[in-house]
C-alpha atoms as a PDB file:
ATOM      1  CA  UNK A   1      -1.676 -22.771 -10.336  1.00  0.00           C
ATOM      2  CA  UNK A   2       0.953 -21.645  -7.827  1.00  0.00           C
ATOM      3  CA  UNK A   3       3.938 -19.589  -9.016  1.00  0.00           C
ATOM      4  CA  UNK A   4       7.198 -21.502  -9.336  1.00  0.00           C
ATOM      5  CA  UNK A   5       9.241 -20.280  -6.383  1.00  0.00           C
ATOM      6  CA  UNK A   6      12.460 -21.514  -7.987  1.00  0.00           C
ATOM      7  CA  UNK A   7      11.953 -19.063 -10.864  1.00  0.00           C
ATOM      8  CA  UNK A   8      11.568 -16.198  -8.406  1.00  0.00           C
ATOM      9  CA  UNK A   9      14.684 -17.336  -6.537  1.00  0.00           C
ATOM     10  CA  UNK A  10      16.652 -17.433  -9.776  1.00  0.00           C
ATOM     11  CA  UNK A  11      15.459 -13.950 -10.784  1.00  0.00           C
ATOM     12  CA  UNK A  12      16.323 -12.613  -7.342  1.00  0.00           C
ATOM     13  CA  UNK A  13      19.870 -13.890  -7.760  1.00  0.00           C
ATOM     14  CA  UNK A  14      20.213 -12.901 -11.425  1.00  0.00           C
ATOM     15  CA  UNK A  15      18.802  -9.364 -11.473  1.00  0.00           C
ATOM     16  CA  UNK A  16      20.698  -7.326  -8.820  1.00  0.00           C
ATOM     17  CA  UNK A  17      24.079  -7.678 -10.497  1.00  0.00           C
ATOM     18  CA  UNK A  18      22.756  -6.271 -13.771  1.00  0.00           C
ATOM     19  CA  UNK A  19      23.018  -2.721 -12.421  1.00  0.00           C
ATOM     20  CA  UNK A  20      25.702  -3.279  -9.795  1.00  0.00           C
ATOM     21  CA  UNK A  21      29.123  -4.047 -11.318  1.00  0.00           C
ATOM     22  CA  UNK A  22      30.529  -4.814  -7.867  1.00  0.00           C
ATOM     23  CA  UNK A  23      28.358  -7.915  -7.539  1.00  0.00           C
ATOM     24  CA  UNK A  24      29.815 -11.238  -8.564  1.00  0.00           C
ATOM     25  CA  UNK A  25      28.209 -13.293 -11.305  1.00  0.00           C
ATOM     26  CA  UNK A  26      25.566 -15.592  -9.754  1.00  0.00           C
ATOM     27  CA  UNK A  27      27.112 -18.893  -8.679  1.00  0.00           C
ATOM     28  CA  UNK A  28      24.597 -21.073 -10.501  1.00  0.00           C
ATOM     29  CA  UNK A  29      24.907 -19.249 -13.833  1.00  0.00           C
ATOM     30  CA  UNK A  30      26.576 -21.809 -16.101  1.00  0.00           C
ATOM     31  CA  UNK A  31      26.619 -22.825 -19.738  1.00  0.00           C
ATOM     32  CA  UNK A  32      25.312 -26.237 -20.722  1.00  0.00           C
ATOM     33  CA  UNK A  33      28.901 -27.354 -21.006  1.00  0.00           C
ATOM     34  CA  UNK A  34      29.429 -26.443 -17.363  1.00  0.00           C
ATOM     35  CA  UNK A  35      31.589 -23.396 -18.108  1.00  0.00           C
ATOM     36  CA  UNK A  36      30.913 -20.100 -16.350  1.00  0.00           C
ATOM     37  CA  UNK A  37      29.456 -17.406 -18.565  1.00  0.00           C
ATOM     38  CA  UNK A  38      30.946 -14.253 -17.046  1.00  0.00           C
ATOM     39  CA  UNK A  39      31.330 -12.502 -20.387  1.00  0.00           C
ATOM     40  CA  UNK A  40      27.731 -13.202 -21.375  1.00  0.00           C
ATOM     41  CA  UNK A  41      26.496 -11.876 -18.038  1.00  0.00           C
ATOM     42  CA  UNK A  42      28.571  -8.748 -18.580  1.00  0.00           C
ATOM     43  CA  UNK A  43      26.824  -8.287 -21.933  1.00  0.00           C
ATOM     44  CA  UNK A  44      23.480  -8.373 -20.101  1.00  0.00           C
ATOM     45  CA  UNK A  45      24.837  -5.855 -17.606  1.00  0.00           C
ATOM     46  CA  UNK A  46      25.922  -3.492 -20.350  1.00  0.00           C
ATOM     47  CA  UNK A  47      22.654  -3.801 -22.286  1.00  0.00           C
ATOM     48  CA  UNK A  48      20.542  -3.102 -19.196  1.00  0.00           C
ATOM     49  CA  UNK A  49      22.631  -0.090 -18.200  1.00  0.00           C
ATOM     50  CA  UNK A  50      22.665   1.398 -21.703  1.00  0.00           C
ATOM     51  CA  UNK A  51      18.906   0.890 -22.067  1.00  0.00           C
ATOM     52  CA  UNK A  52      18.188   2.676 -18.778  1.00  0.00           C
ATOM     53  CA  UNK A  53      20.575   5.526 -19.593  1.00  0.00           C
ATOM     54  CA  UNK A  54      18.864   5.929 -22.976  1.00  0.00           C
ATOM     55  CA  UNK A  55      15.482   5.960 -21.220  1.00  0.00           C
ATOM     56  CA  UNK A  56      16.652   8.761 -18.906  1.00  0.00           C
ATOM     57  CA  UNK A  57      18.050  10.699 -21.866  1.00  0.00           C
ATOM     58  CA  UNK A  58      14.662  10.449 -23.601  1.00  0.00           C
ATOM     59  CA  UNK A  59      12.836  11.663 -20.488  1.00  0.00           C
ATOM     60  CA  UNK A  60      15.296  14.460 -19.662  1.00  0.00           C
ATOM     61  CA  UNK A  61      16.567  15.860 -22.990  1.00  0.00           C
ATOM     62  CA  UNK A  62      16.924  19.415 -21.657  1.00  0.00           C
ATOM     63  CA  UNK A  63      19.050  18.201 -18.758  1.00  0.00           C
ATOM     64  CA  UNK A  64      21.267  16.298 -21.186  1.00  0.00           C
ATOM     65  CA  UNK A  65      21.588  19.332 -23.432  1.00  0.00           C
ATOM     66  CA  UNK A  66      22.617  21.494 -20.472  1.00  0.00           C
ATOM     67  CA  UNK A  67      25.186  19.089 -19.066  1.00  0.00           C
ATOM     68  CA  UNK A  68      26.434  17.574 -22.298  1.00  0.00           C
ATOM     69  CA  UNK A  69      26.101  13.938 -23.277  1.00  0.00           C
ATOM     70  CA  UNK A  70      29.165  12.602 -21.460  1.00  0.00           C
ATOM     71  CA  UNK A  71      28.329  14.305 -18.143  1.00  0.00           C
ATOM     72  CA  UNK A  72      24.697  13.216 -18.392  1.00  0.00           C
ATOM     73  CA  UNK A  73      25.490   9.585 -19.112  1.00  0.00           C
ATOM     74  CA  UNK A  74      27.998   9.412 -16.264  1.00  0.00           C
ATOM     75  CA  UNK A  75      25.459  10.943 -13.867  1.00  0.00           C
ATOM     76  CA  UNK A  76      22.727   8.625 -15.147  1.00  0.00           C
ATOM     77  CA  UNK A  77      24.959   5.605 -14.619  1.00  0.00           C
ATOM     78  CA  UNK A  78      25.418   6.469 -10.939  1.00  0.00           C
ATOM     79  CA  UNK A  79      21.657   6.960 -10.589  1.00  0.00           C
ATOM     80  CA  UNK A  80      20.955   3.580 -12.152  1.00  0.00           C
ATOM     81  CA  UNK A  81      23.264   1.846  -9.698  1.00  0.00           C
ATOM     82  CA  UNK A  82      21.333   3.423  -6.829  1.00  0.00           C
ATOM     83  CA  UNK A  83      17.785   3.066  -8.181  1.00  0.00           C
ATOM     84  CA  UNK A  84      16.414  -0.051  -9.823  1.00  0.00           C
ATOM     85  CA  UNK A  85      13.336   0.074 -12.084  1.00  0.00           C
ATOM     86  CA  UNK A  86      10.057  -0.837 -10.425  1.00  0.00           C
ATOM     87  CA  UNK A  87       7.946  -0.986 -13.600  1.00  0.00           C
ATOM     88  CA  UNK A  88       8.253  -2.743 -16.944  1.00  0.00           C
ATOM     89  CA  UNK A  89       7.333   0.583 -18.602  1.00  0.00           C
ATOM     90  CA  UNK A  90      10.507   2.550 -19.283  1.00  0.00           C
ATOM     91  CA  UNK A  91       8.715   5.915 -19.225  1.00  0.00           C
ATOM     92  CA  UNK A  92       7.935   5.237 -15.558  1.00  0.00           C
ATOM     93  CA  UNK A  93      11.633   5.030 -14.763  1.00  0.00           C
ATOM     94  CA  UNK A  94      13.594   7.995 -13.447  1.00  0.00           C
ATOM     95  CA  UNK A  95      11.067   9.584 -11.106  1.00  0.00           C
ATOM     96  CA  UNK A  96      13.821   9.879  -8.492  1.00  0.00           C
ATOM     97  CA  UNK A  97      16.313  11.343 -10.950  1.00  0.00           C
ATOM     98  CA  UNK A  98      15.647  15.028 -10.078  1.00  0.00           C
ATOM     99  CA  UNK A  99      16.227  14.291  -6.377  1.00  0.00           C
ATOM    100  CA  UNK A 100      19.364  12.391  -7.314  1.00  0.00           C
ATOM    101  CA  UNK A 101      20.620  15.416  -9.255  1.00  0.00           C
ATOM    102  CA  UNK A 102      20.114  17.520  -6.112  1.00  0.00           C
ATOM    103  CA  UNK A 103      22.500  15.232  -4.241  1.00  0.00           C
ATOM    104  CA  UNK A 104      24.978  14.642  -7.082  1.00  0.00           C
ATOM    105  CA  UNK A 105      28.135  16.477  -6.055  1.00  0.00           C
ATOM    106  CA  UNK A 106      29.322  17.146  -9.596  1.00  0.00           C
ATOM    107  CA  UNK A 107      26.089  19.006 -10.386  1.00  0.00           C
ATOM    108  CA  UNK A 108      26.302  21.350  -7.398  1.00  0.00           C
ATOM    109  CA  UNK A 109      27.411  24.234  -9.641  1.00  0.00           C
ATOM    110  CA  UNK A 110      24.079  23.927 -11.476  1.00  0.00           C
ATOM    111  CA  UNK A 111      21.590  24.275  -8.583  1.00  0.00           C
ATOM    112  CA  UNK A 112      18.708  24.851 -10.999  1.00  0.00           C
ATOM    113  CA  UNK A 113      19.330  21.589 -12.880  1.00  0.00           C
ATOM    114  CA  UNK A 114      17.155  19.433 -10.609  1.00  0.00           C
ATOM    115  CA  UNK A 115      14.173  21.771 -10.971  1.00  0.00           C
ATOM    116  CA  UNK A 116      14.598  21.715 -14.747  1.00  0.00           C
ATOM    117  CA  UNK A 117      14.478  17.927 -14.495  1.00  0.00           C
ATOM    118  CA  UNK A 118      11.318  18.147 -12.364  1.00  0.00           C
ATOM    119  CA  UNK A 119       9.628  20.154 -15.118  1.00  0.00           C
ATOM    120  CA  UNK A 120      10.654  17.543 -17.682  1.00  0.00           C
ATOM    121  CA  UNK A 121       9.249  14.757 -15.500  1.00  0.00           C
ATOM    122  CA  UNK A 122       6.025  16.721 -15.071  1.00  0.00           C
ATOM    123  CA  UNK A 123       5.863  17.210 -18.853  1.00  0.00           C
ATOM    124  CA  UNK A 124       6.028  13.447 -19.430  1.00  0.00           C
ATOM    125  CA  UNK A 125       3.453  12.684 -16.730  1.00  0.00           C
ATOM    126  CA  UNK A 126       1.113  15.282 -18.229  1.00  0.00           C
ATOM    127  CA  UNK A 127       1.583  13.702 -21.639  1.00  0.00           C
ATOM    128  CA  UNK A 128       0.503  10.300 -20.318  1.00  0.00           C
ATOM    129  CA  UNK A 129      -2.331  11.600 -18.123  1.00  0.00           C
ATOM    130  CA  UNK A 130      -5.947  10.612 -18.738  1.00  0.00           C
ATOM    131  CA  UNK A 131      -7.953  12.440 -21.384  1.00  0.00           C
ATOM    132  CA  UNK A 132     -10.617  14.534 -19.681  1.00  0.00           C
ATOM    133  CA  UNK A 133     -12.513  17.566 -21.049  1.00  0.00           C
ATOM    134  CA  UNK A 134     -11.262  20.849 -19.622  1.00  0.00           C
ATOM    135  CA  UNK A 135     -13.455  23.287 -17.721  1.00  0.00           C
ATOM    136  CA  UNK A 136     -14.891  25.976 -19.975  1.00  0.00           C
ATOM    137  CA  UNK A 137     -15.097  29.623 -19.026  1.00  0.00           C
ATOM    138  CA  UNK A 138     -18.858  29.458 -19.612  1.00  0.00           C
ATOM    139  CA  UNK A 139     -19.351  26.741 -16.978  1.00  0.00           C
ATOM    140  CA  UNK A 140     -17.331  28.693 -14.449  1.00  0.00           C
ATOM    141  CA  UNK A 141     -19.216  31.910 -15.249  1.00  0.00           C
ATOM    142  CA  UNK A 142     -22.542  30.151 -14.597  1.00  0.00           C
ATOM    143  CA  UNK A 143     -21.733  29.737 -10.894  1.00  0.00           C
ATOM    144  CA  UNK A 144     -23.710  32.113  -8.687  1.00  0.00           C
ATOM    145  CA  UNK A 145     -21.465  34.861  -7.221  1.00  0.00           C
ATOM    146  CA  UNK A 146     -22.666  34.006  -3.717  1.00  0.00           C
ATOM    147  CA  UNK A 147     -21.349  30.456  -4.137  1.00  0.00           C
ATOM    148  CA  UNK A 148     -17.867  31.357  -5.388  1.00  0.00           C
ATOM    149  CA  UNK A 149     -16.083  31.345  -2.014  1.00  0.00           C
ATOM    150  CA  UNK A 150     -17.275  27.790  -1.295  1.00  0.00           C
ATOM    151  CA  UNK A 151     -16.508  26.571  -4.802  1.00  0.00           C
ATOM    152  CA  UNK A 152     -14.106  23.683  -5.272  1.00  0.00           C
ATOM    153  CA  UNK A 153     -12.333  23.273  -8.593  1.00  0.00           C
ATOM    154  CA  UNK A 154     -11.240  19.847  -9.789  1.00  0.00           C
ATOM    155  CA  UNK A 155      -7.813  19.800 -11.400  1.00  0.00           C
ATOM    156  CA  UNK A 156      -7.317  18.155 -14.778  1.00  0.00           C
ATOM    157  CA  UNK A 157      -5.305  14.889 -14.464  1.00  0.00           C
ATOM    158  CA  UNK A 158      -2.541  16.441 -16.578  1.00  0.00           C
ATOM    159  CA  UNK A 159      -2.067  19.482 -14.336  1.00  0.00           C
ATOM    160  CA  UNK A 160       1.320  19.654 -12.643  1.00  0.00           C
ATOM    161  CA  UNK A 161       3.045  22.423 -10.662  1.00  0.00           C
ATOM    162  CA  UNK A 162       6.783  22.710 -10.116  1.00  0.00           C
ATOM    163  CA  UNK A 163       8.058  25.385  -7.752  1.00  0.00           C
ATOM    164  CA  UNK A 164      11.598  26.663  -8.121  1.00  0.00           C
ATOM    165  CA  UNK A 165      13.873  29.286  -6.588  1.00  0.00           C
ATOM    166  CA  UNK A 166      15.500  29.590  -9.991  1.00  0.00           C
ATOM    167  CA  UNK A 167      14.337  30.612 -13.508  1.00  0.00           C
ATOM    168  CA  UNK A 168      13.651  26.948 -14.243  1.00  0.00           C
ATOM    169  CA  UNK A 169      10.829  27.617 -16.725  1.00  0.00           C
ATOM    170  CA  UNK A 170      13.071  29.774 -18.880  1.00  0.00           C
ATOM    171  CA  UNK A 171      15.935  27.285 -18.624  1.00  0.00           C
ATOM    172  CA  UNK A 172      13.586  24.451 -19.603  1.00  0.00           C
ATOM    173  CA  UNK A 173      12.248  26.381 -22.593  1.00  0.00           C
ATOM    174  CA  UNK A 174      15.735  27.352 -23.777  1.00  0.00           C
ATOM    175  CA  UNK A 175      17.026  23.799 -23.718  1.00  0.00           C
ATOM    176  CA  UNK A 176      14.025  21.685 -24.613  1.00  0.00           C
ATOM    177  CA  UNK A 177      14.115  22.421 -28.337  1.00  0.00           C
ATOM    178  CA  UNK A 178      16.807  23.312 -30.827  1.00  0.00           C
ATOM    179  CA  UNK A 179      16.569  26.788 -32.345  1.00  0.00           C
ATOM    180  CA  UNK A 180      16.637  26.886 -36.179  1.00  0.00           C
ATOM    181  CA  UNK A 181      19.999  28.681 -36.206  1.00  0.00           C
ATOM    182  CA  UNK A 182      21.447  26.695 -33.306  1.00  0.00           C
ATOM    183  CA  UNK A 183      21.808  29.830 -31.184  1.00  0.00           C
ATOM    184  CA  UNK A 184      20.600  29.745 -27.569  1.00  0.00           C
ATOM    185  CA  UNK A 185      19.155  33.015 -26.253  1.00  0.00           C
ATOM    186  CA  UNK A 186      21.118  34.145 -23.180  1.00  0.00           C
ATOM    187  CA  UNK A 187      19.274  33.901 -19.872  1.00  0.00           C
ATOM    188  CA  UNK A 188      18.744  37.425 -18.584  1.00  0.00           C
ATOM    189  CA  UNK A 189      16.914  36.720 -15.335  1.00  0.00           C
ATOM    190  CA  UNK A 190      17.670  35.032 -12.034  1.00  0.00           C
ATOM    191  CA  UNK A 191      14.114  35.349 -10.702  1.00  0.00           C
ATOM    192  CA  UNK A 192      12.335  32.388  -9.142  1.00  0.00           C
ATOM    193  CA  UNK A 193       9.817  30.781 -11.477  1.00  0.00           C
ATOM    194  CA  UNK A 194       6.954  28.380 -10.771  1.00  0.00           C
ATOM    195  CA  UNK A 195       5.994  26.133 -13.662  1.00  0.00           C
ATOM    196  CA  UNK A 196       2.470  25.206 -14.685  1.00  0.00           C
ATOM    197  CA  UNK A 197       2.303  22.076 -16.830  1.00  0.00           C
ATOM    198  CA  UNK A 198      -0.990  21.317 -18.567  1.00  0.00           C
ATOM    199  CA  UNK A 199      -2.383  19.489 -21.574  1.00  0.00           C
ATOM    200  CA  UNK A 200      -5.580  21.247 -22.637  1.00  0.00           C
ATOM    201  CA  UNK A 201      -5.595  19.537 -26.047  1.00  0.00           C
ATOM    202  CA  UNK A 202      -3.133  17.095 -27.547  1.00  0.00           C
ATOM    203  CA  UNK A 203      -0.023  19.091 -26.725  1.00  0.00           C
ATOM    204  CA  UNK A 204       1.605  19.571 -23.325  1.00  0.00           C
ATOM    205  CA  UNK A 205       2.286  23.205 -22.450  1.00  0.00           C
ATOM    206  CA  UNK A 206       4.666  24.619 -19.860  1.00  0.00           C
ATOM    207  CA  UNK A 207       4.101  28.181 -18.683  1.00  0.00           C
ATOM    208  CA  UNK A 208       5.264  30.429 -15.888  1.00  0.00           C
ATOM    209  CA  UNK A 209       2.750  31.003 -13.104  1.00  0.00           C
ATOM    210  CA  UNK A 210       2.124  34.562 -11.914  1.00  0.00           C
ATOM    211  CA  UNK A 211       3.108  35.551  -8.352  1.00  0.00           C
ATOM    212  CA  UNK A 212       0.864  33.720  -5.901  1.00  0.00           C
ATOM    213  CA  UNK A 213      -0.373  31.375  -8.607  1.00  0.00           C
ATOM    214  CA  UNK A 214       1.413  28.302  -7.294  1.00  0.00           C
ATOM    215  CA  UNK A 215       0.118  28.725  -3.753  1.00  0.00           C
ATOM    216  CA  UNK A 216      -3.377  29.286  -5.155  1.00  0.00           C
ATOM    217  CA  UNK A 217      -3.325  26.207  -7.381  1.00  0.00           C
ATOM    218  CA  UNK A 218      -1.693  23.903  -4.857  1.00  0.00           C
ATOM    219  CA  UNK A 219      -4.422  24.786  -2.367  1.00  0.00           C
ATOM    220  CA  UNK A 220      -7.151  24.046  -4.909  1.00  0.00           C
ATOM    221  CA  UNK A 221      -5.563  20.746  -5.933  1.00  0.00           C
ATOM    222  CA  UNK A 222      -5.353  19.776  -2.266  1.00  0.00           C
ATOM    223  CA  UNK A 223      -9.114  20.289  -1.968  1.00  0.00           C
ATOM    224  CA  UNK A 224      -9.380  23.808  -0.559  1.00  0.00           C
ATOM    225  CA  UNK A 225     -12.325  26.015  -1.429  1.00  0.00           C
ATOM    226  CA  UNK A 226     -11.799  28.943  -3.766  1.00  0.00           C
ATOM    227  CA  UNK A 227     -12.026  31.315  -0.814  1.00  0.00           C
ATOM    228  CA  UNK A 228      -9.355  29.469   1.161  1.00  0.00           C
ATOM    229  CA  UNK A 229      -7.111  29.168  -1.897  1.00  0.00           C
ATOM    230  CA  UNK A 230      -7.325  32.909  -2.472  1.00  0.00           C
ATOM    231  CA  UNK A 231      -6.387  33.491   1.160  1.00  0.00           C
ATOM    232  CA  UNK A 232      -3.332  31.235   0.763  1.00  0.00           C
ATOM    233  CA  UNK A 233      -2.263  33.100  -2.367  1.00  0.00           C
ATOM    234  CA  UNK A 234      -2.707  36.518  -0.736  1.00  0.00           C
ATOM    235  CA  UNK A 235      -0.758  35.430   2.323  1.00  0.00           C
ATOM    236  CA  UNK A 236       2.203  34.579   0.105  1.00  0.00           C
ATOM    237  CA  UNK A 237       1.700  37.382  -2.436  1.00  0.00           C
ATOM    238  CA  UNK A 238      -0.417  40.345  -1.288  1.00  0.00           C
ATOM    239  CA  UNK A 239      -0.600  41.582  -4.882  1.00  0.00           C
ATOM    240  CA  UNK A 240      -2.128  38.310  -6.138  1.00  0.00           C
ATOM    241  CA  UNK A 241      -4.488  39.066  -9.046  1.00  0.00           C
ATOM    242  CA  UNK A 242      -7.387  36.619  -8.757  1.00  0.00           C
ATOM    243  CA  UNK A 243      -9.381  37.535 -11.918  1.00  0.00           C
ATOM    244  CA  UNK A 244      -6.316  37.460 -14.161  1.00  0.00           C
ATOM    245  CA  UNK A 245      -5.023  34.246 -12.614  1.00  0.00           C
ATOM    246  CA  UNK A 246      -8.354  32.450 -12.923  1.00  0.00           C
ATOM    247  CA  UNK A 247      -8.761  33.531 -16.534  1.00  0.00           C
ATOM    248  CA  UNK A 248      -5.277  32.357 -17.408  1.00  0.00           C
ATOM    249  CA  UNK A 249      -5.658  29.032 -15.621  1.00  0.00           C
ATOM    250  CA  UNK A 250      -9.015  28.253 -17.198  1.00  0.00           C
ATOM    251  CA  UNK A 251      -7.591  29.137 -20.603  1.00  0.00           C
ATOM    252  CA  UNK A 252      -4.624  26.834 -19.954  1.00  0.00           C
ATOM    253  CA  UNK A 253      -6.932  23.913 -19.144  1.00  0.00           C
ATOM    254  CA  UNK A 254      -5.911  23.576 -15.499  1.00  0.00           C
ATOM    255  CA  UNK A 255      -9.380  22.492 -14.337  1.00  0.00           C
ATOM    256  CA  UNK A 256     -11.852  19.906 -15.490  1.00  0.00           C
ATOM    257  CA  UNK A 257     -14.902  20.558 -13.301  1.00  0.00           C
ATOM    258  CA  UNK A 258     -16.355  22.621 -10.478  1.00  0.00           C
ATOM    259  CA  UNK A 259     -18.159  21.448  -7.394  1.00  0.00           C
ATOM    260  CA  UNK A 260     -20.566  23.813  -5.706  1.00  0.00           C
ATOM    261  CA  UNK A 261     -21.248  22.883  -2.095  1.00  0.00           C
ATOM    262  CA  UNK A 262     -24.703  24.059  -1.135  1.00  0.00           C
ATOM    263  CA  UNK A 263     -25.666  24.737   2.453  1.00  0.00           C
ATOM    264  CA  UNK A 264     -28.236  22.691   4.367  1.00  0.00           C
END
């Protein structure tokens, strides 16, 4: 059975104006009595916009807490007008929101806000990632020392890395949850922080990577051998501590498997 092209044509005319208030009501949108239904279409517009703003607020609660509700909803409204959903799943919406924040002129005094949003997006993606057993320290320890340099580690589907020039991990942690007494601990650092997002069990964890850790992990995720990943980390951070970093990353559930490439 072939799709009804008239239905697609109608949807193509009906949908764009739902997020763009400058668009006129579709010409063929009429009540059975023949009267135009501008007010009813405006109700659809409002419901769609509010639903998408609420979806963004659910995905980016720390960003909303930082900016305040009114600022967040105004910013979200502008984003919605520029970026239509591409999936019926609301949790998939808003992937471009951190980049939008970077370009949003009224957020320029909060240059770390977009990176905080990137951590929140990574948190949600980690939450929805596939369930796969994590690599145990015992499996890694069983690899022959002579094979370590050629070893390739397979990242867990939930593993995400967010690099930032700002203390984005601390800002995320401060604003993601309410403290029992309602008091927010003052931020006492302006150091750059790279976030590691993992889900070793049922809960997503966000932690700060050690110096060189992001370069190391990004190389491994991109398919580099352990030896090449170490070289990348040392090039960026000469003091990179491989044993401590590996132990911490295995404990955090960053990897799911190892692949030892044997010579001919």
